Amino acid sequence: MAGIVLFMLFLLSCATEYPLNIKRDTIDTPEERSVNLPHSKASPLFLILAFSGGGTRAAALSYGTLEALRSVELTGRIAETTNGSRQRTMLDEVSIIVAVSGGSFTAAYYGLRGDNIFKDYREKFLTQDVQGDLLRAFLNPFNWPRLWSPRFGRSDLAQEYYDRMLFEGVALSNMDKKNGPLIVILATDMIDGVSFPFTRETFNWICSDYSRFPVSRAVAASSAFPGPLSPVVIRNYAGSCGMEIPEWITKVPQTADPDSRAYQMAVIANTYLDKKNKPFIHLVDGGVSDNLGIRAIIDRVMVSGGIREVLDKSNISGIRRIAFIIVDAETTARPAWSIVGDIPGIGPVMELSSTVMVNKYNYETIDLLRRTIKDWQVEDEAKNKPLDFYIIHLAFNSLPEKTERDYFHSIPTSFSLQADQVDRLRDVAARLLFASPDFQRLVRDMDGNILVPAIRAPTAIDE
């Protein structure tokens, strides 16, 4: 009898397969062939939010940033909503949100729910024991037959959980709202080590149906930390839908320096157009390639010919200011074993190696952004079209008090935090934002007014 049961379980595992992304035979409309960025023509500001990885810590910090932006009113400006007119806020000015791993949960839910995120996100996600729930699902014997399948992994099980919790099976196209920001969720192509953006353009390259790809699967890929979670696999159907290859992909390798970023971008992009040698794409945590999500933006502008070219191609005019708000949940807590002579195990070594790599890469990314903006400014001065740039980097190291810095650095990178930790993160996001000199300058330039945020007052941090 036991043998029959085991045989049936084996057959069940063989029949289990992850949900395959759907092939598309044609690209029908001109709108789908281009990248259309949402923007209010009445606004001189192009505002980009970048949400880093870092588990629930990153999700709560990014959520607190949305709350804070909502409390900055813009004098004399009105926003039209489904519920009528109201005072326009800095949150209404957001054009793009690019998000990685933990930050992708906040970005995706905001993309789907808009201001309704403020009604239930804390209770539905931030204060839940997501990590514990997933672990129990992995250890549940009823799930083992599926997990034994070579075509179904832990991230596929996580996707099902995220749908029950937040996303309800809706597709990426549901985030494409007329007056809302463009939401870009980033994962990492583990074979080439580069960012994979879940955008309509990327899906056009691989001839897959963006409008039927689940948000939950994109978020599962973005947060698939290697080891505990399995890669998310998607099928590459490139060459079967009549997609015109972008000019930069074919021309750059012929003209650019092989050591340049543009050359490397074009070479990697070409791999997605070759379904024979790349029939499947294996995706892991977006933080592996770019934990801040900024490099994807820089690279996209670079291969498009410059910042002005991107705005012109997207039919965006009247821009005088471009602002980046980078919500960086990086921590630098030193492990307890660093002060003893014992040899650490493989687990702690791998965890610290990943943290050190990500932290160093974050610093390099911010430095790259600053240098790139200087190049953009030189370009604009040459065209006599100067732009004002603002880099607003929210990080725990900016806090003046050591006790508070140490507290936030000690919050673990997990998907299970206490409610008090969540609320402190929401509160500190607002304080970091409002203390930023560049954000204060932006508020002044936009005739804004920072209201007293309706965020709870956390208890004092113990010395």
Protein backbone atom coordinates (compact mmCIF):
# COMPACT_ATOMS: atom_id res chain seq x y z
CA MET A 1 0.00 0.00 0.00
CA ALA A 2 2.80 2.39 0.95
CA GLY A 3 4.48 1.67 -2.37
CA ILE A 4 1.32 2.60 -4.27
CA VAL A 5 1.05 5.88 -2.36
CA LEU A 6 4.67 6.73 -3.09
CA PHE A 7 4.18 5.87 -6.76
CA MET A 8 1.11 8.13 -6.96
CA LEU A 9 3.04 10.96 -5.30
CA PHE A 10 5.84 10.47 -7.81
CA LEU A 11 3.37 10.71 -10.70
CA LEU A 12 1.87 13.85 -9.17
CA SER A 13 5.28 15.48 -8.88
CA CYS A 14 6.04 14.65 -12.52
CA ALA A 15 2.77 16.27 -13.62
CA THR A 16 3.35 19.49 -11.68
CA GLU A 17 4.72 22.47 -13.60
CA TYR A 18 5.15 26.17 -12.93
CA PRO A 19 2.73 28.51 -14.75
CA LEU A 20 4.23 29.21 -18.15
CA ASN A 21 4.13 32.77 -19.50
CA ILE A 22 1.87 33.05 -22.53
CA LYS A 23 3.21 33.42 -26.06
CA ARG A 24 2.09 36.31 -28.22
CA ASP A 25 2.01 36.04 -32.02
CA THR A 26 1.72 39.73 -32.92
CA ILE A 27 2.25 43.18 -31.48
CA ASP A 28 -0.90 44.95 -32.55
CA THR A 29 -0.78 48.64 -31.71
CA PRO A 30 1.80 51.42 -32.06
CA GLU A 31 1.36 52.20 -28.36
CA GLU A 32 2.65 48.74 -27.45
CA ARG A 33 5.75 49.21 -29.58
CA SER A 34 6.89 52.23 -27.58
CA VAL A 35 7.60 53.08 -24.00
CA ASN A 36 4.97 55.57 -22.88
CA LEU A 37 5.75 57.25 -19.59
CA PRO A 38 2.86 58.73 -17.61
CA HIS A 39 3.25 62.40 -16.90
CA SER A 40 1.07 65.41 -16.22
CA LYS A 41 1.72 67.96 -18.97
CA ALA A 42 0.94 70.69 -16.47
CA SER A 43 3.89 69.70 -14.28
CA PRO A 44 7.51 70.78 -14.75
CA LEU A 45 8.72 67.86 -12.58
CA PHE A 46 9.70 64.33 -13.54
CA LEU A 47 9.92 62.39 -10.27
CA ILE A 48 11.48 58.93 -10.02
CA LEU A 49 11.22 56.73 -6.93
CA ALA A 50 13.63 53.82 -6.43
CA PHE A 51 12.74 51.24 -3.76
CA SER A 52 15.60 49.00 -2.65
CA GLY A 53 15.56 45.42 -1.48
CA GLY A 54 15.74 44.38 2.15
CA GLY A 55 12.70 42.27 3.04
CA THR A 56 9.88 43.80 5.07
CA ARG A 57 12.32 46.46 6.27
CA ALA A 58 12.53 47.77 2.69
CA ALA A 59 8.78 47.38 2.14
CA ALA A 60 7.96 49.40 5.27
CA LEU A 61 10.53 52.11 4.52
CA SER A 62 9.21 52.56 0.98
CA TYR A 63 5.62 52.61 2.26
CA GLY A 64 6.57 55.32 4.76
CA THR A 65 8.05 57.32 1.88
CA LEU A 66 4.74 57.16 0.00
CA GLU A 67 2.95 58.34 3.14
CA ALA A 68 5.38 61.24 3.51
CA LEU A 69 5.08 62.34 -0.13
CA ARG A 70 1.32 62.31 0.28
CA SER A 71 1.65 64.87 3.09
CA VAL A 72 3.42 67.46 0.88
CA GLU A 73 0.78 69.66 -0.76
CA LEU A 74 1.53 71.73 -3.87
CA THR A 75 0.07 75.22 -3.68
CA GLY A 76 -2.51 76.08 -6.30
CA ARG A 77 -2.54 72.67 -7.96
CA ILE A 78 -5.54 70.38 -8.16
CA ALA A 79 -5.60 66.62 -8.71
CA GLU A 80 -8.58 64.99 -10.40
CA THR A 81 -9.45 61.59 -8.95
CA THR A 82 -12.30 59.10 -9.25
CA ASN A 83 -13.63 60.58 -6.00
CA GLY A 84 -13.50 64.17 -7.26
CA SER A 85 -10.98 67.01 -6.99
CA ARG A 86 -8.46 67.49 -4.19
CA GLN A 87 -5.24 69.33 -3.46
CA ARG A 88 -2.36 67.93 -5.52
CA THR A 89 0.48 66.39 -3.50
CA MET A 90 4.06 65.43 -4.23
CA LEU A 91 2.91 61.81 -4.49
CA ASP A 92 0.79 62.79 -7.50
CA GLU A 93 3.98 64.00 -9.22
CA VAL A 94 5.61 60.56 -9.28
CA SER A 95 6.30 59.44 -12.86
CA ILE A 96 8.16 56.17 -12.34
CA ILE A 97 8.64 53.73 -9.46
CA VAL A 98 11.41 51.19 -9.99
CA ALA A 99 11.58 48.54 -7.29
CA VAL A 100 13.62 45.56 -6.19
CA SER A 101 12.84 42.60 -3.92
CA GLY A 102 11.20 43.81 -0.69
CA GLY A 103 10.48 47.20 -2.23
CA SER A 104 8.66 45.55 -5.13
CA PHE A 105 5.75 44.54 -2.87
CA THR A 106 5.05 48.17 -2.01
CA ALA A 107 5.51 49.39 -5.59
CA ALA A 108 3.28 46.69 -7.08
CA TYR A 109 0.50 47.13 -4.53
CA TYR A 110 0.57 50.90 -4.98
CA GLY A 111 0.49 50.41 -8.75
CA LEU A 112 -2.65 48.31 -8.39
CA ARG A 113 -4.44 50.11 -5.58
CA GLY A 114 -3.26 53.72 -5.77
CA ASP A 115 -4.19 55.71 -2.67
CA ASN A 116 -6.16 52.73 -1.39
CA ILE A 117 -2.82 51.26 -0.34
CA PHE A 118 -3.06 53.45 2.75
CA LYS A 119 -6.20 51.64 3.90
CA ASP A 120 -4.88 48.11 4.34
CA TYR A 121 -1.26 47.50 3.27
CA ARG A 122 0.15 47.66 6.79
CA GLU A 123 -2.27 45.03 8.10
CA LYS A 124 -2.37 42.83 4.98
CA PHE A 125 1.39 42.63 4.46
CA LEU A 126 3.80 44.66 6.59
CA THR A 127 2.79 43.20 9.97
CA GLN A 128 2.28 39.64 8.70
CA ASP A 129 4.71 36.78 9.33
CA VAL A 130 5.33 36.21 5.63
CA GLN A 131 8.56 34.34 6.27
CA GLY A 132 6.93 31.99 8.76
CA ASP A 133 3.96 31.35 6.47
CA LEU A 134 6.25 30.47 3.57
CA LEU A 135 8.38 28.18 5.73
CA ARG A 136 5.27 26.34 6.93
CA ALA A 137 4.14 25.97 3.32
CA PHE A 138 7.53 24.52 2.32
CA LEU A 139 7.41 22.05 5.24
CA ASN A 140 3.80 21.03 4.63
CA PRO A 141 3.81 17.40 3.39
CA PHE A 142 0.85 18.15 1.11
CA ASN A 143 3.13 20.49 -0.89
CA TRP A 144 6.07 18.10 -1.13
CA PRO A 145 4.92 16.22 -4.26
CA ARG A 146 4.80 19.50 -6.19
CA LEU A 147 8.11 20.68 -4.75
CA TRP A 148 9.75 17.41 -5.83
CA SER A 149 8.98 18.30 -9.43
CA PRO A 150 11.89 19.73 -11.46
CA ARG A 151 9.34 22.15 -12.95
CA PHE A 152 7.94 23.62 -9.73
CA GLY A 153 9.95 25.42 -7.07
CA ARG A 154 9.64 27.24 -3.78
CA SER A 155 9.18 30.59 -5.54
CA ASP A 156 6.21 29.15 -7.43
CA LEU A 157 4.65 28.23 -4.10
CA ALA A 158 5.48 31.73 -2.83
CA GLN A 159 3.72 33.24 -5.84
CA GLU A 160 0.51 31.42 -4.91
CA TYR A 161 0.81 32.78 -1.37
CA TYR A 162 1.36 36.36 -2.60
CA ASP A 163 -1.77 36.07 -4.73
CA ARG A 164 -3.86 34.98 -1.75
CA MET A 165 -2.38 37.72 0.41
CA LEU A 166 -2.21 40.75 -1.91
CA PHE A 167 -2.45 40.43 -5.66
CA GLU A 168 -5.46 38.17 -6.35
CA GLY A 169 -4.06 36.86 -9.63
CA VAL A 170 -4.15 40.18 -11.50
CA ALA A 171 -1.78 40.86 -14.41
CA LEU A 172 0.99 43.42 -14.88
CA SER A 173 -1.20 45.47 -17.24
CA ASN A 174 -3.50 46.27 -14.30
CA MET A 175 -0.75 48.58 -13.02
CA ASP A 176 -0.90 50.66 -16.22
CA LYS A 177 -3.12 53.48 -15.02
CA LYS A 178 -3.65 56.66 -17.04
CA ASN A 179 -2.76 59.05 -14.23
CA GLY A 180 -0.53 56.74 -12.21
CA PRO A 181 3.22 56.16 -12.30
CA LEU A 182 4.94 53.57 -14.43
CA ILE A 183 5.80 50.63 -12.15
CA VAL A 184 8.99 48.76 -13.05
CA ILE A 185 9.72 45.61 -11.05
CA LEU A 186 13.29 44.33 -11.41
CA ALA A 187 14.60 40.79 -11.10
CA THR A 188 18.05 39.44 -12.02
CA ASP A 189 18.80 37.20 -14.98
CA MET A 190 21.00 34.75 -13.08
CA ILE A 191 22.80 33.52 -16.22
CA ASP A 192 24.00 36.95 -17.40
CA GLY A 193 23.88 38.72 -14.01
CA VAL A 194 21.88 41.70 -15.31
CA SER A 195 18.61 43.33 -14.36
CA PHE A 196 15.45 42.00 -15.98
CA PRO A 197 12.73 44.68 -15.97
CA PHE A 198 9.10 43.53 -16.05
CA THR A 199 8.00 46.06 -18.65
CA ARG A 200 5.90 45.90 -21.79
CA GLU A 201 9.03 46.52 -23.86
CA THR A 202 10.89 43.54 -22.36
CA PHE A 203 7.91 41.27 -22.99
CA ASN A 204 7.78 42.49 -26.59
CA TRP A 205 11.40 41.36 -27.01
CA ILE A 206 10.57 37.82 -25.89
CA CYS A 207 7.15 37.79 -27.65
CA SER A 208 5.26 37.11 -24.44
CA ASP A 209 1.92 38.55 -23.33
CA TYR A 210 2.57 41.28 -20.76
CA SER A 211 -1.15 41.80 -20.23
CA ARG A 212 -1.56 38.24 -18.92
CA PHE A 213 1.58 37.88 -16.79
CA PRO A 214 0.75 37.82 -13.04
CA VAL A 215 2.01 40.63 -10.81
CA SER A 216 2.60 38.02 -8.11
CA ARG A 217 5.04 36.15 -10.35
CA ALA A 218 7.02 39.29 -11.11
CA VAL A 219 7.25 40.08 -7.39
CA ALA A 220 8.17 36.46 -6.61
CA ALA A 221 11.03 36.69 -9.12
CA SER A 222 12.19 40.06 -7.79
CA SER A 223 12.36 38.68 -4.22
CA ALA A 224 13.67 35.16 -5.00
CA PHE A 225 16.74 35.27 -2.77
CA PRO A 226 19.11 32.55 -4.05
CA GLY A 227 19.10 29.49 -1.82
CA PRO A 228 15.98 29.81 0.32
CA LEU A 229 13.91 30.54 -2.79
CA SER A 230 14.18 28.95 -6.22
CA PRO A 231 14.63 30.84 -9.50
CA VAL A 232 11.50 31.85 -11.40
CA VAL A 233 11.61 30.51 -14.96
CA ILE A 234 9.97 32.18 -17.96
CA ARG A 235 9.90 31.04 -21.58
CA ASN A 236 11.56 33.03 -24.36
CA TYR A 237 9.49 33.14 -27.57
CA ALA A 238 11.62 35.79 -29.32
CA GLY A 239 11.32 36.09 -33.09
CA SER A 240 7.75 34.82 -33.34
CA CYS A 241 5.73 38.05 -33.06
CA GLY A 242 7.12 40.45 -35.65
CA MET A 243 8.88 42.62 -33.06
CA GLU A 244 11.20 45.14 -34.71
CA ILE A 245 14.64 44.98 -33.14
CA PRO A 246 15.52 48.35 -31.57
CA GLU A 247 18.16 50.17 -33.57
CA TRP A 248 20.55 50.53 -30.63
CA ILE A 249 20.78 46.75 -30.19
CA THR A 250 22.11 46.24 -33.71
CA LYS A 251 24.17 49.42 -34.13
CA VAL A 252 25.92 49.81 -30.77
CA PRO A 253 28.03 46.61 -31.04
CA GLN A 254 29.36 47.87 -34.38
CA THR A 255 30.39 51.31 -33.15
CA ALA A 256 30.88 51.34 -29.37
CA ASP A 257 33.98 50.56 -27.35
CA PRO A 258 33.79 46.87 -26.27
CA ASP A 259 34.62 47.99 -22.73
CA SER A 260 31.74 50.49 -22.59
CA ARG A 261 28.44 50.01 -20.74
CA ALA A 262 26.52 50.61 -23.98
CA TYR A 263 28.35 47.77 -25.73
CA GLN A 264 27.73 45.33 -22.89
CA MET A 265 24.05 46.32 -22.75
CA ALA A 266 23.62 45.67 -26.47
CA VAL A 267 25.41 42.31 -26.35
CA ILE A 268 23.23 41.10 -23.47
CA ALA A 269 20.06 42.43 -25.11
CA ASN A 270 20.91 40.39 -28.19
CA THR A 271 20.86 37.20 -26.12
CA TYR A 272 17.13 37.70 -25.43
CA LEU A 273 16.47 37.85 -29.17
CA ASP A 274 18.07 34.42 -29.67
CA LYS A 275 15.54 31.90 -28.36
CA LYS A 276 17.59 28.99 -29.71
CA ASN A 277 20.48 29.65 -27.34
CA LYS A 278 18.33 31.23 -24.63
CA PRO A 279 15.00 29.35 -24.66
CA PHE A 280 14.39 30.00 -20.96
CA ILE A 281 15.20 32.91 -18.64
CA HIS A 282 16.00 32.10 -15.02
CA LEU A 283 15.27 34.96 -12.63
CA VAL A 284 16.37 35.54 -9.04
CA ASP A 285 16.32 38.43 -6.55
CA GLY A 286 16.69 41.82 -8.24
CA GLY A 287 19.15 42.92 -5.56
CA VAL A 288 21.78 40.54 -6.93
CA SER A 289 22.34 42.83 -9.94
CA ASP A 290 21.12 46.22 -8.68
CA ASN A 291 19.76 46.56 -5.15
CA LEU A 292 18.71 50.19 -5.72
CA GLY A 293 17.18 49.85 -9.18
CA ILE A 294 19.03 52.93 -10.41
CA ARG A 295 21.42 51.27 -12.85
CA ALA A 296 18.51 50.07 -14.97
CA ILE A 297 17.38 53.69 -15.42
CA ILE A 298 20.89 54.94 -16.21
CA ASP A 299 21.45 52.18 -18.77
CA ARG A 300 18.08 52.80 -20.44
CA VAL A 301 18.81 56.53 -20.83
CA MET A 302 22.31 55.81 -22.10
CA VAL A 303 21.26 53.47 -24.91
CA SER A 304 18.43 55.85 -25.87
CA GLY A 305 20.87 58.66 -26.60
CA GLY A 306 20.46 60.83 -23.51
CA ILE A 307 17.89 62.18 -21.07
CA ARG A 308 16.37 64.64 -23.54
CA GLU A 309 15.93 61.90 -26.13
CA VAL A 310 14.06 59.72 -23.62
CA LEU A 311 11.68 62.56 -22.76
CA ASP A 312 11.15 63.47 -26.42
CA LYS A 313 10.49 59.87 -27.49
CA SER A 314 7.96 59.58 -24.67
CA ASN A 315 6.17 62.77 -25.80
CA ILE A 316 7.01 64.53 -22.55
CA SER A 317 7.56 68.29 -22.75
CA GLY A 318 7.88 71.19 -20.36
CA ILE A 319 10.18 69.36 -17.94
CA ARG A 320 12.47 71.64 -15.96
CA ARG A 321 13.25 69.40 -12.99
CA ILE A 322 14.19 65.73 -12.62
CA ALA A 323 14.29 64.27 -9.12
CA PHE A 324 15.41 60.88 -7.84
CA ILE A 325 14.20 59.70 -4.43
CA ILE A 326 16.22 56.60 -3.54
CA VAL A 327 14.77 54.65 -0.62
CA ASP A 328 17.76 52.65 0.57
CA ALA A 329 17.06 50.06 3.30
CA GLU A 330 20.71 49.00 3.50
CA THR A 331 22.01 47.95 6.93
CA THR A 332 25.59 47.67 8.17
CA ALA A 333 25.21 45.77 11.45
CA ARG A 334 28.32 43.76 12.39
CA PRO A 335 27.71 40.08 13.21
CA ALA A 336 28.34 38.88 16.76
CA TRP A 337 30.95 36.38 15.57
CA SER A 338 33.14 39.21 14.20
CA ILE A 339 34.60 39.85 17.68
CA VAL A 340 35.45 36.24 18.58
CA GLY A 341 38.08 33.86 17.28
CA ASP A 342 35.72 31.06 16.23
CA ILE A 343 35.50 30.11 12.58
CA PRO A 344 32.00 30.97 11.31
CA GLY A 345 29.89 28.40 9.48
CA ILE A 346 29.05 28.47 5.80
CA GLY A 347 25.61 30.05 6.40
CA PRO A 348 26.87 33.18 8.21
CA VAL A 349 29.74 33.56 5.74
CA MET A 350 27.41 33.42 2.72
CA GLU A 351 24.98 35.86 4.33
CA LEU A 352 27.71 38.38 5.18
CA SER A 353 29.37 38.01 1.78
CA SER A 354 26.08 38.91 0.11
CA THR A 355 25.54 41.89 2.43
CA VAL A 356 29.05 43.28 1.90
CA MET A 357 28.71 42.91 -1.88
CA VAL A 358 25.31 44.64 -1.99
CA ASN A 359 26.42 47.48 0.31
CA LYS A 360 29.54 48.20 -1.73
CA TYR A 361 27.51 48.04 -4.94
CA ASN A 362 24.97 50.50 -3.50
CA TYR A 363 27.72 53.03 -2.89
CA GLU A 364 29.04 52.56 -6.43
CA THR A 365 25.52 52.97 -7.85
CA ILE A 366 24.93 56.30 -6.09
CA ASP A 367 28.34 57.51 -7.27
CA LEU A 368 27.51 56.41 -10.83
CA LEU A 369 24.24 58.34 -10.70
CA ARG A 370 26.00 61.52 -9.57
CA ARG A 371 28.59 61.24 -12.36
CA THR A 372 25.91 60.47 -14.93
CA ILE A 373 23.85 63.49 -13.91
CA LYS A 374 26.91 65.70 -14.40
CA ASP A 375 27.16 64.35 -17.95
CA TRP A 376 23.46 65.06 -18.52
CA GLN A 377 23.93 68.62 -17.25
CA VAL A 378 26.81 69.20 -19.67
CA GLU A 379 24.61 67.84 -22.47
CA ASP A 380 21.75 70.20 -21.54
CA GLU A 381 24.01 73.23 -21.24
CA ALA A 382 25.31 72.54 -24.75
CA LYS A 383 21.71 72.53 -26.01
CA ASN A 384 20.82 75.58 -23.91
CA LYS A 385 18.08 73.60 -22.17
CA PRO A 386 19.24 73.41 -18.55
CA LEU A 387 17.53 70.99 -16.18
CA ASP A 388 17.59 71.03 -12.40
CA PHE A 389 18.43 67.67 -10.84
CA TYR A 390 17.76 66.48 -7.29
CA ILE A 391 19.27 63.36 -5.71
CA ILE A 392 17.40 62.50 -2.51
CA HIS A 393 19.03 59.47 -0.90
CA LEU A 394 17.20 58.13 2.15
CA ALA A 395 19.50 55.93 4.22
CA PHE A 396 19.85 55.08 7.91
CA ASN A 397 23.41 56.44 7.98
CA SER A 398 21.94 59.94 7.56
CA LEU A 399 20.37 59.79 11.02
CA PRO A 400 22.25 62.08 13.43
CA GLU A 401 21.89 59.92 16.57
CA LYS A 402 24.09 56.83 16.84
CA THR A 403 21.55 55.02 19.03
CA GLU A 404 18.91 55.39 16.36
CA ARG A 405 21.27 54.44 13.54
CA ASP A 406 22.24 51.29 15.42
CA TYR A 407 18.58 50.41 16.02
CA PHE A 408 17.62 50.54 12.35
CA HIS A 409 20.80 48.78 11.25
CA SER A 410 19.88 45.95 13.64
CA ILE A 411 16.48 45.30 12.02
CA PRO A 412 16.94 42.01 10.17
CA THR A 413 16.56 41.41 6.46
CA SER A 414 13.56 39.13 6.76
CA PHE A 415 9.89 39.03 5.86
CA SER A 416 8.76 39.01 9.47
CA LEU A 417 8.95 42.16 11.61
CA GLN A 418 7.20 43.31 14.76
CA ALA A 419 4.47 45.95 14.37
CA ASP A 420 6.57 48.45 16.34
CA GLN A 421 9.51 47.95 13.98
CA VAL A 422 7.24 48.51 10.99
CA ASP A 423 5.87 51.75 12.43
CA ARG A 424 9.33 53.05 13.32
CA LEU A 425 10.42 52.43 9.74
CA ARG A 426 7.40 54.33 8.42
CA ASP A 427 8.18 57.21 10.74
CA VAL A 428 11.90 57.38 9.96
CA ALA A 429 11.16 57.41 6.22
CA ALA A 430 9.30 60.70 6.64
CA ARG A 431 12.00 62.20 8.84
CA LEU A 432 14.77 61.22 6.42
CA LEU A 433 12.83 62.64 3.50
CA PHE A 434 11.96 65.95 5.14
CA ALA A 435 15.53 66.39 6.44
CA SER A 436 17.07 65.98 2.98
CA PRO A 437 18.44 69.33 1.71
CA ASP A 438 17.65 68.36 -1.88
CA PHE A 439 14.07 67.46 -0.98
CA GLN A 440 13.65 70.75 0.87
CA ARG A 441 14.94 72.53 -2.25
CA LEU A 442 12.51 70.56 -4.41
CA VAL A 443 9.56 71.46 -2.17
CA ARG A 444 10.51 75.15 -2.35
CA ASP A 445 10.93 75.04 -6.13
CA MET A 446 7.53 73.36 -6.51
CA ASP A 447 5.78 75.82 -4.13
CA GLY A 448 5.04 72.96 -1.79
CA ASN A 449 4.03 72.81 1.83
CA ILE A 450 5.06 69.98 4.16
CA LEU A 451 2.13 69.13 6.41
CA VAL A 452 2.54 67.44 9.77
CA PRO A 453 2.45 63.75 8.78
CA ALA A 454 -0.21 61.66 10.45
CA ILE A 455 2.25 58.97 11.49
CA ARG A 456 2.28 57.39 14.91
CA ALA A 457 4.82 58.58 17.49
CA PRO A 458 6.95 55.54 18.36
CA THR A 459 8.24 54.97 21.84
CA ALA A 460 11.77 56.05 22.64
CA ILE A 461 14.62 53.79 21.61
CA ASP A 462 16.45 52.33 24.57
CA GLU A 463 20.05 53.39 24.96
